[in-house]
C-alpha atoms as a PDB file:
ATOM      1  CA  MET A   1       0.510  -9.668  -5.974  1.00  0.00           C
ATOM      2  CA  GLU A   2      -3.150  -9.986  -5.146  1.00  0.00           C
ATOM      3  CA  ARG A   3      -4.701  -6.789  -3.816  1.00  0.00           C
ATOM      4  CA  ALA A   4      -7.944  -6.177  -1.936  1.00  0.00           C
ATOM      5  CA  VAL A   5     -10.164  -3.167  -2.540  1.00  0.00           C
ATOM      6  CA  VAL A   6     -10.129  -0.772   0.435  1.00  0.00           C
ATOM      7  CA  GLU A   7     -12.311   2.150   1.448  1.00  0.00           C
ATOM      8  CA  SER A   8     -10.197   5.248   0.976  1.00  0.00           C
ATOM      9  CA  SER A   9     -10.163   8.398  -1.123  1.00  0.00           C
ATOM     10  CA  LEU A  10      -6.406   7.963  -1.694  1.00  0.00           C
ATOM     11  CA  VAL A  11      -5.993   4.188  -2.040  1.00  0.00           C
ATOM     12  CA  ARG A  12      -8.036   1.972  -4.371  1.00  0.00           C
ATOM     13  CA  SER A  13      -6.531  -1.405  -3.387  1.00  0.00           C
ATOM     14  CA  ALA A  14      -3.640  -2.892  -1.418  1.00  0.00           C
ATOM     15  CA  GLY A  15      -1.907  -6.220  -0.914  1.00  0.00           C
ATOM     16  CA  HIS A  16       0.894  -7.682   1.189  1.00  0.00           C
ATOM     17  CA  ASP A  17       3.364 -10.518   0.694  1.00  0.00           C
ATOM     18  CA  VAL A  18       4.328 -11.751   4.165  1.00  0.00           C
ATOM     19  CA  LEU A  19       7.372 -13.748   3.042  1.00  0.00           C
ATOM     20  CA  ARG A  20       8.857 -10.971   0.906  1.00  0.00           C
ATOM     21  CA  GLU A  21       7.692  -8.221   3.277  1.00  0.00           C
ATOM     22  CA  GLU A  22       6.336  -6.219   0.338  1.00  0.00           C
ATOM     23  CA  MET A  23       3.194  -4.134   0.211  1.00  0.00           C
ATOM     24  CA  GLU A  24       1.630  -3.098  -3.060  1.00  0.00           C
ATOM     25  CA  VAL A  25      -0.694  -0.097  -3.209  1.00  0.00           C
ATOM     26  CA  GLU A  26      -2.895   0.998  -6.097  1.00  0.00           C
ATOM     27  CA  PHE A  27      -3.695   4.677  -5.694  1.00  0.00           C
ATOM     28  CA  ALA A  28      -6.940   6.318  -6.802  1.00  0.00           C
ATOM     29  CA  ASP A  29      -5.085   7.959  -9.725  1.00  0.00           C
ATOM     30  CA  GLY A  30      -4.049   4.545 -11.084  1.00  0.00           C
ATOM     31  CA  ARG A  31      -0.424   4.486  -9.892  1.00  0.00           C
ATOM     32  CA  VAL A  32       0.788   1.234  -8.352  1.00  0.00           C
ATOM     33  CA  VAL A  33       3.664   1.396  -5.877  1.00  0.00           C
ATOM     34  CA  ARG A  34       5.446  -1.498  -4.142  1.00  0.00           C
ATOM     35  CA  TYR A  35       6.872  -0.719  -0.691  1.00  0.00           C
ATOM     36  CA  LEU A  36       9.739  -2.923   0.486  1.00  0.00           C
ATOM     37  CA  GLY A  37      10.419  -4.153   4.029  1.00  0.00           C
ATOM     38  CA  VAL A  38       6.826  -3.821   5.247  1.00  0.00           C
ATOM     39  CA  LYS A  39       6.286  -6.091   8.250  1.00  0.00           C
ATOM     40  CA  ARG A  40       3.066  -7.998   8.930  1.00  0.00           C
ATOM     41  CA  GLU A  41       2.318  -5.700  11.881  1.00  0.00           C
ATOM     42  CA  GLU A  42       2.497  -2.632   9.632  1.00  0.00           C
ATOM     43  CA  TRP A  43       0.194  -4.286   7.081  1.00  0.00           C
ATOM     44  CA  GLU A  44      -2.291  -5.176   9.816  1.00  0.00           C
ATOM     45  CA  GLY A  45      -2.074  -1.611  11.128  1.00  0.00           C
ATOM     46  CA  PHE A  46      -2.828  -0.273   7.643  1.00  0.00           C
ATOM     47  CA  MET A  47      -5.796  -2.593   7.127  1.00  0.00           C
ATOM     48  CA  GLY A  48      -7.186  -1.752  10.569  1.00  0.00           C
ATOM     49  CA  ALA A  49      -6.666   1.992  10.276  1.00  0.00           C
ATOM     50  CA  GLU A  50      -9.718   4.215  10.146  1.00  0.00           C
ATOM     51  CA  SER A  51      -7.869   6.392   7.614  1.00  0.00           C
ATOM     52  CA  LYS A  52      -5.833   4.253   5.215  1.00  0.00           C
ATOM     53  CA  GLY A  53      -4.341   7.324   3.537  1.00  0.00           C
ATOM     54  CA  SER A  54      -3.135   8.841   6.800  1.00  0.00           C
ATOM     55  CA  TYR A  55      -1.612   5.557   7.965  1.00  0.00           C
ATOM     56  CA  LEU A  56       0.072   5.078   4.602  1.00  0.00           C
ATOM     57  CA  MET A  57       1.612   8.550   4.698  1.00  0.00           C
ATOM     58  CA  ARG A  58       2.678   8.244   8.334  1.00  0.00           C
ATOM     59  CA  GLU A  59       3.928   4.633   8.538  1.00  0.00           C
ATOM     60  CA  ILE A  60       4.380   3.021   5.119  1.00  0.00           C
ATOM     61  CA  ARG A  61       5.700   5.816   2.933  1.00  0.00           C
ATOM     62  CA  LYS A  62       9.018   5.860   4.837  1.00  0.00           C
ATOM     63  CA  HIS A  63       9.921   2.505   3.271  1.00  0.00           C
ATOM     64  CA  THR A  64      11.961   2.101   0.106  1.00  0.00           C
ATOM     65  CA  TYR A  65       9.584   1.777  -2.832  1.00  0.00           C
ATOM     66  CA  GLU A  66       9.414   1.110  -6.536  1.00  0.00           C
ATOM     67  CA  VAL A  67       6.795   2.335  -8.977  1.00  0.00           C
ATOM     68  CA  VAL A  68       5.128  -0.667 -10.623  1.00  0.00           C
ATOM     69  CA  LYS A  69       2.766   1.370 -12.798  1.00  0.00           C
ATOM     70  CA  GLU A  70       2.678   5.092 -13.518  1.00  0.00           C
ATOM     71  CA  LYS A  71      -0.647   6.889 -13.384  1.00  0.00           C
ATOM     72  CA  GLY A  72      -2.487   6.863 -16.667  1.00  0.00           C
ATOM     73  CA  SER A  73      -0.391   4.059 -18.174  1.00  0.00           C
END
């Protein structure tokens, strides 16, 4: 999944697949996590949020997720 760099101390980059409703987040520590069932509106909310980290923790983190890459690997 293609990710865009974002301004955040917690998140380095993020991407969204509209058809699959998946959001991929690369954290500042190098971990990459894919969140499942993320709607377009949630993605747009994340990208428009003043604090990406706060929005992620409040709205996105509740979704089922899978770790794509562990930190440091």
